[in-house]
Amino acid sequence: MHPHRNYPRQPVGWGALHEAPPPVIAPYVDARPADWLLLAVLRPAWAYRLELALIALLAVAYVWLGGKLGREDADRLIVAAAFVVALLGWTREPLARSLARSHLRRRWGLACRHAELASRNDRVPWVMRCSLTRAGEQLRVRLPAGAQVPDLENASERLAAFLGVREVRVSRDPANARYARVVVLRRDPLADPNPIPWPLANADHCSLWQPIPVGEDEDGNQVTVTLPERNLLDAGEPGAGKSTVVQLLIAAAALDPSVVLTLFDPKLVELAVWQGCAHRLVGPNVDDAIDVLKALIGELDDRYLTLLANRARKVAPGDGLPLHLVVVEELAFYTNGPDRKASAAFSVLLRDFVARGRAAGMVTVTTTQKPSADVVPTYLRDLFGFRWALRCSTPDASDTILGRGWASQGYSAASIDPTARGVGLLLQEGGVPVRLRACYLDDLELADLARRAEHLRGTTSPEVPTLRLLDGTA
């Protein structure tokens, strides 16, 4: 018996012509000629089909031009055509992208084999579609029979190591379990130090009923937030960029002259630029904050009586009831202060307002550095449908903002670079957290927006800062 007869033979599937060649082809003595044909000829030819097609096209063109014009003229024409393709962007860039996709497909096939993802009949996850992004590539992958998305997800680190990239992210296609969305990140797309300009920075006015652009995700797509019928909790460690996020939402509301702004600012300076636009502005006084909340709840009750009289379930555009935006900066100051009785009263009132304000067109946005239960009680935190988690110190803190279990699924704000100001995870109702970088408005832009908003509203900023405005009077 031949010494190699007892070696296990590598199974070969005839339907695997789309895959890249395996890293090693064992020289089995008893291999069938058809196996050698598939492994050594057909599979490599299919893997390099684009390059072979270009070479064949070039050879045919050279032969045909040589017969028509002569060899020397054909040489000159081929060289000139190559220079044209290389110099013109509309020919060079599509060709370069196509060659990059072809190379990635081959590397992907080899990476899957090294990660032991090949099935029993030697099939690996097949890249059906490949699109280039600013941070890498995005793939639509079809799994072979018998495989499942968790297998591919568990091998993501090995795939990333073989491909030599920063990270490989795998998610299941919600419509079909046989397909997966794979994101190959070669660099952090949100690490650009240049700020992202706000698209509405030069707008004359806007409507809070419309989506508000707040930043860009890792694919360079614009991320928007629609506030009506929603409440938003914005949390993260000091310096993570919470105020940057809140300023965008306030600016959009201020540019809508029909929106009523109520601002709680214990620092006095964070939201001072909007004091000329605010209907109510509360400073570091919990008793005043409780009075303002009671007034808002009274208005909330009146709204529900109006809806009842009109047999309506919620406030809608054009019904004559303006939207309210209530912003609470540093929620811990009001809910976890030294006066426990006043803090508890504020928390109860805020819970009632947040719970019932959605349908009445009264939106609440809060920020906090520490979203623990003693600062944001669970009965209050669960009412916020939108969660924006900026940089956190621990995965547990990230889960406290986004909800339990997201950190274990790879969505943790603790992994954000501390120097990446404004980068965070936004969780909107019914979705998964989206990693994004918020737009940025500097102090001059905020002042200009505030002046325009005051002009729209027909108000002027008071010469002396006012800590509390009720019904338009100091």
Protein backbone atom coordinates (compact mmCIF):
# COMPACT_ATOMS: atom_id res chain seq x y z
CA MET A 1 0.00 0.00 0.00
CA HIS A 2 1.24 3.43 -0.85
CA PRO A 3 2.26 5.41 2.28
CA HIS A 4 -0.06 8.28 1.32
CA ARG A 5 -3.15 6.10 0.83
CA ASN A 6 -4.36 6.51 4.43
CA TYR A 7 -4.20 10.33 4.44
CA PRO A 8 -7.64 11.99 4.56
CA ARG A 9 -8.63 13.52 1.29
CA GLN A 10 -9.76 17.15 1.20
CA PRO A 11 -13.40 17.24 -0.01
CA VAL A 12 -13.97 19.31 -3.12
CA GLY A 13 -17.25 20.84 -4.26
CA TRP A 14 -17.77 21.42 -7.96
CA GLY A 15 -20.00 24.40 -7.19
CA ALA A 16 -17.18 26.38 -5.58
CA LEU A 17 -15.66 27.97 -8.66
CA HIS A 18 -16.25 31.46 -7.27
CA GLU A 19 -13.87 30.93 -4.36
CA ALA A 20 -10.24 31.90 -4.11
CA PRO A 21 -7.61 29.15 -4.27
CA PRO A 22 -6.79 27.49 -0.94
CA PRO A 23 -3.48 28.45 0.69
CA VAL A 24 -2.03 24.95 0.33
CA ILE A 25 -2.97 22.19 -2.10
CA ALA A 26 -1.91 18.86 -0.64
CA PRO A 27 -0.36 16.59 -3.30
CA TYR A 28 -2.63 13.60 -2.77
CA VAL A 29 -1.44 10.72 -4.87
CA ASP A 30 -4.94 9.31 -5.25
CA ALA A 31 -6.57 12.64 -6.18
CA ARG A 32 -8.84 12.52 -9.19
CA PRO A 33 -7.84 14.45 -12.33
CA ALA A 34 -11.08 16.42 -11.97
CA ASP A 35 -9.99 17.55 -8.50
CA TRP A 36 -6.66 18.78 -9.84
CA LEU A 37 -8.43 20.58 -12.66
CA LEU A 38 -10.71 22.34 -10.22
CA LEU A 39 -8.08 23.23 -7.60
CA ALA A 40 -5.14 24.08 -9.84
CA VAL A 41 -6.84 25.59 -12.91
CA LEU A 42 -10.52 26.46 -12.71
CA ARG A 43 -10.63 27.96 -9.22
CA PRO A 44 -7.55 30.22 -9.67
CA ALA A 45 -8.83 31.26 -13.10
CA TRP A 46 -12.19 32.23 -11.60
CA ALA A 47 -10.55 34.07 -8.72
CA TYR A 48 -8.45 36.13 -11.16
CA ARG A 49 -11.19 36.41 -13.80
CA LEU A 50 -11.12 40.23 -13.91
CA GLU A 51 -7.36 40.42 -14.36
CA LEU A 52 -7.38 37.60 -16.95
CA ALA A 53 -10.23 39.29 -18.83
CA LEU A 54 -8.29 42.56 -18.98
CA ILE A 55 -5.17 40.79 -20.19
CA ALA A 56 -7.17 38.91 -22.83
CA LEU A 57 -8.85 42.13 -23.97
CA LEU A 58 -5.49 43.87 -24.22
CA ALA A 59 -3.99 40.95 -26.18
CA VAL A 60 -6.92 40.84 -28.63
CA ALA A 61 -6.73 44.61 -29.14
CA TYR A 62 -2.98 44.42 -29.72
CA VAL A 63 -3.29 41.63 -32.27
CA TRP A 64 -6.15 43.34 -34.08
CA LEU A 65 -4.42 46.73 -34.17
CA GLY A 66 -1.17 45.07 -35.26
CA GLY A 67 -2.96 43.55 -38.24
CA LYS A 68 -4.59 46.87 -39.17
CA LEU A 69 -1.86 49.39 -38.40
CA GLY A 70 1.34 47.45 -38.01
CA ARG A 71 3.28 46.43 -34.92
CA GLU A 72 5.00 49.77 -34.26
CA ASP A 73 1.82 51.82 -34.57
CA ALA A 74 -0.05 49.28 -32.44
CA ASP A 75 2.64 49.58 -29.74
CA ARG A 76 2.33 53.37 -29.73
CA LEU A 77 -1.47 53.25 -29.63
CA ILE A 78 -1.52 50.75 -26.75
CA VAL A 79 0.92 52.86 -24.72
CA ALA A 80 -1.10 56.02 -25.43
CA ALA A 81 -4.31 54.30 -24.36
CA ALA A 82 -2.64 53.15 -21.13
CA PHE A 83 -1.59 56.74 -20.37
CA VAL A 84 -5.12 57.99 -21.05
CA VAL A 85 -6.63 55.40 -18.73
CA ALA A 86 -4.09 56.27 -16.04
CA LEU A 87 -4.56 60.05 -16.31
CA LEU A 88 -8.33 60.36 -16.62
CA GLY A 89 -10.16 60.00 -13.34
CA TRP A 90 -13.38 58.66 -14.87
CA THR A 91 -11.46 55.69 -16.29
CA ARG A 92 -8.76 55.24 -13.68
CA GLU A 93 -10.93 55.27 -10.56
CA PRO A 94 -13.55 52.69 -11.68
CA LEU A 95 -10.77 50.37 -12.82
CA ALA A 96 -8.89 50.79 -9.54
CA ARG A 97 -12.04 50.12 -7.52
CA SER A 98 -12.83 47.01 -9.55
CA LEU A 99 -9.31 45.64 -9.07
CA ALA A 100 -9.49 46.42 -5.33
CA ARG A 101 -12.77 44.50 -5.03
CA SER A 102 -11.29 41.56 -6.92
CA HIS A 103 -8.27 41.50 -4.62
CA LEU A 104 -10.47 41.70 -1.52
CA ARG A 105 -12.61 38.77 -2.69
CA ARG A 106 -9.51 36.61 -3.05
CA ARG A 107 -8.16 37.66 0.33
CA TRP A 108 -11.56 37.05 1.89
CA GLY A 109 -11.66 33.50 0.56
CA LEU A 110 -8.20 32.76 1.95
CA ALA A 111 -9.10 34.39 5.28
CA CYS A 112 -12.20 32.20 5.60
CA ARG A 113 -10.17 29.07 4.94
CA HIS A 114 -7.55 30.04 7.52
CA ALA A 115 -10.37 30.72 9.98
CA GLU A 116 -11.71 27.20 9.31
CA LEU A 117 -15.00 28.43 7.90
CA ALA A 118 -14.99 26.09 4.90
CA SER A 119 -17.91 23.68 4.84
CA ARG A 120 -17.64 19.88 4.38
CA ASN A 121 -17.83 20.25 0.63
CA ASP A 122 -15.10 22.93 0.66
CA ARG A 123 -17.30 26.00 0.29
CA VAL A 124 -16.59 29.27 2.09
CA PRO A 125 -18.80 32.34 2.66
CA TRP A 126 -19.14 34.01 -0.72
CA VAL A 127 -18.87 37.76 -1.26
CA MET A 128 -21.89 38.63 -3.39
CA ARG A 129 -21.48 42.40 -3.30
CA CYS A 130 -18.62 44.64 -2.27
CA SER A 131 -18.78 48.41 -1.86
CA LEU A 132 -15.92 50.66 -0.85
CA THR A 133 -16.41 53.02 2.09
CA ARG A 134 -14.27 55.81 3.44
CA ALA A 135 -12.98 53.50 6.21
CA GLY A 136 -12.73 50.19 4.34
CA GLU A 137 -15.25 47.93 2.63
CA GLN A 138 -18.78 46.72 3.19
CA LEU A 139 -19.63 43.20 2.02
CA ARG A 140 -22.82 41.25 1.51
CA VAL A 141 -21.87 37.64 2.18
CA ARG A 142 -23.84 34.49 1.41
CA LEU A 143 -23.16 31.58 3.73
CA PRO A 144 -22.74 28.04 2.40
CA ALA A 145 -25.22 25.33 3.32
CA GLY A 146 -24.86 24.25 6.92
CA ALA A 147 -23.21 27.49 8.07
CA GLN A 148 -24.76 30.28 10.12
CA VAL A 149 -23.98 33.91 10.86
CA PRO A 150 -22.77 33.34 14.46
CA ASP A 151 -20.00 31.09 13.09
CA LEU A 152 -18.79 33.96 10.92
CA GLU A 153 -19.17 36.44 13.77
CA ASN A 154 -17.13 34.28 16.16
CA ALA A 155 -14.30 34.17 13.62
CA SER A 156 -14.24 37.96 13.12
CA GLU A 157 -10.98 38.43 15.04
CA ARG A 158 -9.19 35.75 13.02
CA LEU A 159 -10.52 37.25 9.80
CA ALA A 160 -9.33 40.72 10.84
CA ALA A 161 -5.89 39.37 11.75
CA PHE A 162 -5.48 37.60 8.41
CA LEU A 163 -6.70 40.60 6.42
CA GLY A 164 -4.51 42.93 8.46
CA VAL A 165 -7.30 45.39 9.22
CA ARG A 166 -8.50 47.24 12.30
CA GLU A 167 -11.75 45.35 12.77
CA VAL A 168 -14.26 43.06 11.05
CA ARG A 169 -17.91 43.49 12.05
CA VAL A 170 -20.54 40.90 11.21
CA SER A 171 -24.30 41.33 11.46
CA ARG A 172 -27.16 39.14 10.28
CA ASP A 173 -29.41 40.19 7.43
CA PRO A 174 -32.77 40.70 9.19
CA ALA A 175 -34.65 39.48 6.10
CA ASN A 176 -32.66 36.32 5.36
CA ALA A 177 -30.57 34.22 7.77
CA ARG A 178 -28.34 32.98 4.95
CA TYR A 179 -26.87 36.42 4.33
CA ALA A 180 -24.61 38.56 6.49
CA ARG A 181 -23.44 42.16 6.37
CA VAL A 182 -19.70 42.35 6.91
CA VAL A 183 -17.93 45.67 7.51
CA VAL A 184 -14.15 45.64 7.06
CA LEU A 185 -12.66 48.63 8.88
CA ARG A 186 -9.10 49.54 7.91
CA ARG A 187 -9.07 52.69 10.05
CA ASP A 188 -11.34 54.54 12.44
CA PRO A 189 -13.59 56.63 10.18
CA LEU A 190 -14.52 58.93 13.05
CA ALA A 191 -10.96 59.79 14.10
CA ASP A 192 -10.69 62.77 11.74
CA PRO A 193 -9.75 65.78 13.91
CA ASN A 194 -11.55 68.22 11.61
CA PRO A 195 -15.01 69.11 12.97
CA ILE A 196 -18.12 68.13 11.03
CA PRO A 197 -20.07 71.26 10.04
CA TRP A 198 -23.75 71.37 10.92
CA PRO A 199 -25.87 71.40 7.72
CA LEU A 200 -28.33 73.88 9.26
CA ALA A 201 -25.68 76.35 10.44
CA ASN A 202 -26.63 78.85 7.71
CA ALA A 203 -30.36 78.11 7.62
CA ASP A 204 -32.78 81.02 8.06
CA HIS A 205 -35.34 78.84 9.79
CA CYS A 206 -36.31 75.20 10.21
CA SER A 207 -39.11 73.03 11.56
CA LEU A 208 -38.70 70.82 14.62
CA TRP A 209 -41.21 68.42 13.06
CA GLN A 210 -38.56 67.55 10.48
CA PRO A 211 -35.51 65.30 11.09
CA ILE A 212 -32.57 67.16 12.61
CA PRO A 213 -29.09 66.31 11.24
CA VAL A 214 -26.82 65.61 14.20
CA GLY A 215 -23.73 63.90 12.77
CA GLU A 216 -22.22 61.30 10.47
CA ASP A 217 -21.88 57.54 10.95
CA GLU A 218 -18.89 55.40 10.06
CA ASP A 219 -19.97 55.10 6.43
CA GLY A 220 -20.17 58.87 6.02
CA ASN A 221 -23.97 58.87 6.01
CA GLN A 222 -25.84 61.68 7.68
CA VAL A 223 -27.57 60.71 10.94
CA THR A 224 -30.78 62.50 11.88
CA VAL A 225 -33.00 62.64 14.95
CA THR A 226 -36.75 63.30 14.89
CA LEU A 227 -37.76 64.70 18.27
CA PRO A 228 -41.59 64.90 18.27
CA GLU A 229 -43.06 62.07 20.34
CA ARG A 230 -39.58 61.20 21.59
CA ASN A 231 -37.38 61.94 24.60
CA LEU A 232 -33.60 61.81 24.57
CA LEU A 233 -31.06 60.95 27.27
CA ASP A 234 -27.54 62.22 26.53
CA ALA A 235 -24.87 60.87 28.87
CA GLY A 236 -21.12 60.39 29.05
CA GLU A 237 -18.04 61.27 31.06
CA PRO A 238 -16.89 64.91 31.43
CA GLY A 239 -15.44 66.30 28.21
CA ALA A 240 -17.06 63.66 25.98
CA GLY A 241 -19.15 66.24 24.12
CA LYS A 242 -22.61 66.15 25.72
CA SER A 243 -23.11 69.90 25.44
CA THR A 244 -22.12 69.77 21.77
CA VAL A 245 -25.00 67.39 21.10
CA VAL A 246 -27.54 69.40 23.09
CA GLN A 247 -26.60 72.65 21.36
CA LEU A 248 -27.52 71.14 17.99
CA LEU A 249 -31.01 70.23 19.20
CA ILE A 250 -31.58 73.59 20.87
CA ALA A 251 -30.37 75.44 17.77
CA ALA A 252 -32.84 73.54 15.58
CA ALA A 253 -35.66 74.30 18.01
CA ALA A 254 -34.67 77.96 18.28
CA LEU A 255 -34.80 78.34 14.49
CA ASP A 256 -38.42 77.20 14.63
CA PRO A 257 -40.24 80.28 15.99
CA SER A 258 -43.28 78.21 16.94
CA VAL A 259 -41.33 76.05 19.42
CA VAL A 260 -41.45 76.95 23.10
CA LEU A 261 -38.05 76.52 24.76
CA THR A 262 -37.64 75.69 28.45
CA LEU A 263 -34.05 75.39 29.63
CA PHE A 264 -32.61 74.15 32.94
CA ASP A 265 -28.93 75.12 33.30
CA PRO A 266 -27.33 74.80 36.75
CA LYS A 267 -23.97 76.04 35.39
CA LEU A 268 -25.56 79.24 34.05
CA VAL A 269 -23.10 79.43 31.15
CA GLU A 270 -23.76 76.30 29.06
CA LEU A 271 -27.09 77.52 27.64
CA ALA A 272 -26.68 81.25 28.28
CA VAL A 273 -26.46 81.99 24.54
CA TRP A 274 -30.14 80.96 24.15
CA GLN A 275 -31.56 83.14 26.93
CA GLY A 276 -33.08 85.50 24.36
CA CYS A 277 -34.97 82.59 22.78
CA ALA A 278 -36.04 80.77 25.95
CA HIS A 279 -39.52 81.15 27.36
CA ARG A 280 -38.31 79.77 30.68
CA LEU A 281 -34.71 79.66 31.88
CA VAL A 282 -33.88 78.07 35.23
CA GLY A 283 -30.54 78.31 37.03
CA PRO A 284 -29.08 76.51 40.06
CA ASN A 285 -32.21 76.62 42.18
CA VAL A 286 -34.10 73.36 42.68
CA ASP A 287 -37.16 75.11 44.14
CA ASP A 288 -37.46 77.30 41.03
CA ALA A 289 -36.99 74.19 38.87
CA ILE A 290 -39.88 72.49 40.70
CA ASP A 291 -42.10 75.54 40.14
CA VAL A 292 -41.31 75.55 36.41
CA LEU A 293 -42.02 71.81 36.16
CA LYS A 294 -45.35 72.30 37.89
CA ALA A 295 -46.22 75.03 35.39
CA LEU A 296 -45.26 72.74 32.51
CA ILE A 297 -47.40 69.92 33.92
CA GLY A 298 -50.31 72.33 34.24
CA GLU A 299 -49.91 73.26 30.59
CA LEU A 300 -49.64 69.55 29.78
CA ASP A 301 -52.99 68.89 31.46
CA ASP A 302 -54.58 71.74 29.51
CA ARG A 303 -53.27 70.25 26.27
CA TYR A 304 -54.83 66.89 26.98
CA LEU A 305 -58.16 68.59 27.65
CA THR A 306 -57.81 70.32 24.27
CA LEU A 307 -57.02 67.01 22.57
CA LEU A 308 -60.00 65.41 24.29
CA ALA A 309 -62.31 68.18 23.12
CA ASN A 310 -61.10 67.68 19.55
CA ARG A 311 -61.16 63.88 19.83
CA ALA A 312 -57.47 63.70 18.95
CA ARG A 313 -54.92 61.28 20.39
CA LYS A 314 -51.81 63.40 19.95
CA VAL A 315 -50.50 66.74 18.76
CA ALA A 316 -49.91 66.88 15.00
CA PRO A 317 -48.45 69.54 12.67
CA GLY A 318 -50.87 72.29 11.82
CA ASP A 319 -53.29 71.78 14.72
CA GLY A 320 -52.32 75.05 16.41
CA LEU A 321 -50.48 73.56 19.39
CA PRO A 322 -46.76 74.44 19.30
CA LEU A 323 -44.08 71.96 20.23
CA HIS A 324 -42.26 72.34 23.54
CA LEU A 325 -38.59 71.46 23.97
CA VAL A 326 -37.46 71.05 27.58
CA VAL A 327 -33.70 70.69 28.08
CA VAL A 328 -32.22 69.74 31.46
CA GLU A 329 -28.45 70.17 31.67
CA GLU A 330 -26.65 68.14 34.35
CA LEU A 331 -29.69 66.27 35.59
CA ALA A 332 -27.79 65.12 38.70
CA PHE A 333 -27.89 68.64 40.12
CA TYR A 334 -31.68 68.54 40.32
CA THR A 335 -32.24 64.84 41.11
CA ASN A 336 -29.34 64.12 43.47
CA GLY A 337 -28.68 67.36 45.32
CA PRO A 338 -28.08 67.94 49.04
CA ASP A 339 -31.80 68.64 49.65
CA ARG A 340 -33.10 65.10 49.33
CA LYS A 341 -36.73 66.11 49.67
CA ALA A 342 -36.54 68.69 46.89
CA SER A 343 -34.55 66.33 44.64
CA ALA A 344 -37.13 63.56 45.13
CA ALA A 345 -39.96 65.99 44.33
CA PHE A 346 -38.21 67.12 41.16
CA SER A 347 -37.63 63.50 40.05
CA VAL A 348 -41.30 62.59 40.55
CA LEU A 349 -42.51 65.65 38.64
CA LEU A 350 -40.04 65.08 35.82
CA ARG A 351 -41.11 61.46 35.52
CA ASP A 352 -44.74 62.51 35.19
CA PHE A 353 -43.88 65.13 32.60
CA VAL A 354 -41.66 62.83 30.51
CA ALA A 355 -44.17 59.97 30.66
CA ARG A 356 -47.13 62.05 29.48
CA GLY A 357 -45.40 64.71 27.39
CA ARG A 358 -44.81 62.73 24.21
CA ALA A 359 -48.33 62.69 22.82
CA ALA A 360 -48.87 66.31 23.89
CA GLY A 361 -45.93 67.55 21.80
CA MET A 362 -43.68 68.29 24.78
CA VAL A 363 -40.21 66.81 24.26
CA THR A 364 -37.59 66.35 26.99
CA VAL A 365 -33.80 66.21 26.47
CA THR A 366 -31.53 65.62 29.47
CA THR A 367 -27.78 65.31 29.96
CA THR A 368 -25.82 63.73 32.77
CA GLN A 369 -22.27 62.65 33.54
CA LYS A 370 -23.34 59.72 35.73
CA PRO A 371 -26.47 57.87 34.56
CA SER A 372 -26.60 55.59 37.61
CA ALA A 373 -29.82 54.83 39.48
CA ASP A 374 -29.16 57.44 42.18
CA VAL A 375 -28.86 60.18 39.51
CA VAL A 376 -31.39 58.99 36.93
CA PRO A 377 -33.88 56.67 38.64
CA THR A 378 -34.73 53.59 36.62
CA TYR A 379 -38.39 54.57 36.41
CA LEU A 380 -37.27 57.82 34.75
CA ARG A 381 -34.46 56.47 32.56
CA ASP A 382 -36.69 53.84 30.94
CA LEU A 383 -38.97 56.57 29.57
CA PHE A 384 -36.30 57.90 27.21
CA GLY A 385 -36.73 56.23 23.82
CA PHE A 386 -33.55 57.82 22.42
CA ARG A 387 -30.24 57.14 24.19
CA TRP A 388 -27.00 58.84 23.19
CA ALA A 389 -23.96 57.34 24.92
CA LEU A 390 -20.73 59.28 24.57
CA ARG A 391 -17.40 58.16 25.97
CA CYS A 392 -17.83 56.14 29.22
CA SER A 393 -15.25 54.74 31.60
CA THR A 394 -16.68 51.19 31.79
CA PRO A 395 -18.93 48.90 29.70
CA ASP A 396 -21.37 48.81 32.63
CA ALA A 397 -21.76 52.58 32.45
CA SER A 398 -22.40 52.29 28.72
CA ASP A 399 -25.08 49.66 29.36
CA THR A 400 -26.66 51.94 31.94
CA ILE A 401 -27.24 54.49 29.17
CA LEU A 402 -28.07 52.28 26.21
CA GLY A 403 -29.68 49.39 28.06
CA ARG A 404 -28.53 46.09 29.46
CA GLY A 405 -26.69 43.74 27.10
CA TRP A 406 -25.55 46.09 24.35
CA ALA A 407 -21.91 46.12 25.53
CA SER A 408 -21.71 42.32 25.28
CA GLN A 409 -22.92 42.62 21.66
CA GLY A 410 -20.08 44.96 20.76
CA TYR A 411 -21.84 48.28 21.35
CA SER A 412 -19.88 49.82 24.21
CA ALA A 413 -19.10 53.51 24.65
CA ALA A 414 -16.13 52.48 26.80
CA SER A 415 -14.23 51.54 23.63
CA ILE A 416 -14.37 55.10 22.29
CA ASP A 417 -11.06 56.94 22.20
CA PRO A 418 -11.00 59.52 25.04
CA THR A 419 -9.61 62.11 22.61
CA ALA A 420 -12.49 61.60 20.16
CA ARG A 421 -14.79 64.36 21.36
CA GLY A 422 -18.36 64.05 20.11
CA VAL A 423 -18.07 60.38 19.13
CA GLY A 424 -20.75 58.18 20.63
CA LEU A 425 -23.45 55.58 20.16
CA LEU A 426 -27.00 56.67 19.33
CA LEU A 427 -29.81 54.23 20.03
CA GLN A 428 -33.15 55.13 18.49
CA GLU A 429 -36.37 53.29 19.22
CA GLY A 430 -36.60 49.89 17.58
CA GLY A 431 -33.06 49.90 16.24
CA VAL A 432 -29.47 49.10 17.16
CA PRO A 433 -26.88 51.62 18.38
CA VAL A 434 -25.21 53.61 15.60
CA ARG A 435 -21.66 54.80 16.12
CA LEU A 436 -21.40 58.39 14.95
CA ARG A 437 -19.59 61.65 15.39
CA ALA A 438 -21.68 64.69 16.21
CA CYS A 439 -21.58 67.91 14.24
CA TYR A 440 -19.88 70.81 15.94
CA LEU A 441 -20.84 74.46 16.46
CA ASP A 442 -18.25 76.83 17.91
CA ASP A 443 -19.14 79.81 20.09
CA LEU A 444 -19.28 82.27 17.19
CA GLU A 445 -21.61 80.03 15.22
CA LEU A 446 -23.84 79.57 18.27
CA ALA A 447 -24.00 83.33 18.82
CA ASP A 448 -24.89 83.91 15.17
CA LEU A 449 -27.61 81.22 15.30
CA ALA A 450 -29.00 82.72 18.51
CA ARG A 451 -29.21 86.20 16.92
CA ARG A 452 -31.04 84.80 13.91
CA ALA A 453 -33.40 82.86 16.16
CA GLU A 454 -34.14 85.97 18.21
CA HIS A 455 -34.90 87.88 15.02
CA LEU A 456 -37.30 85.14 13.93
CA ARG A 457 -39.03 85.19 17.32
CA GLY A 458 -39.09 88.97 17.59
CA THR A 459 -37.16 88.96 20.85
CA THR A 460 -33.92 90.52 22.01
CA SER A 461 -31.44 89.23 24.53
CA PRO A 462 -31.71 90.98 27.95
CA GLU A 463 -28.73 93.04 28.96
CA VAL A 464 -28.59 91.33 32.38
CA PRO A 465 -28.64 87.49 32.40
CA THR A 466 -31.96 86.24 33.71
CA LEU A 467 -32.01 82.98 35.57
CA ARG A 468 -35.72 82.36 35.35
CA LEU A 469 -38.35 83.56 32.91
CA LEU A 470 -41.99 82.68 33.41
CA ASP A 471 -44.59 83.65 30.81
CA GLY A 472 -42.10 86.03 29.22
CA THR A 473 -41.48 88.18 32.33
CA ALA A 474 -38.37 88.29 34.49
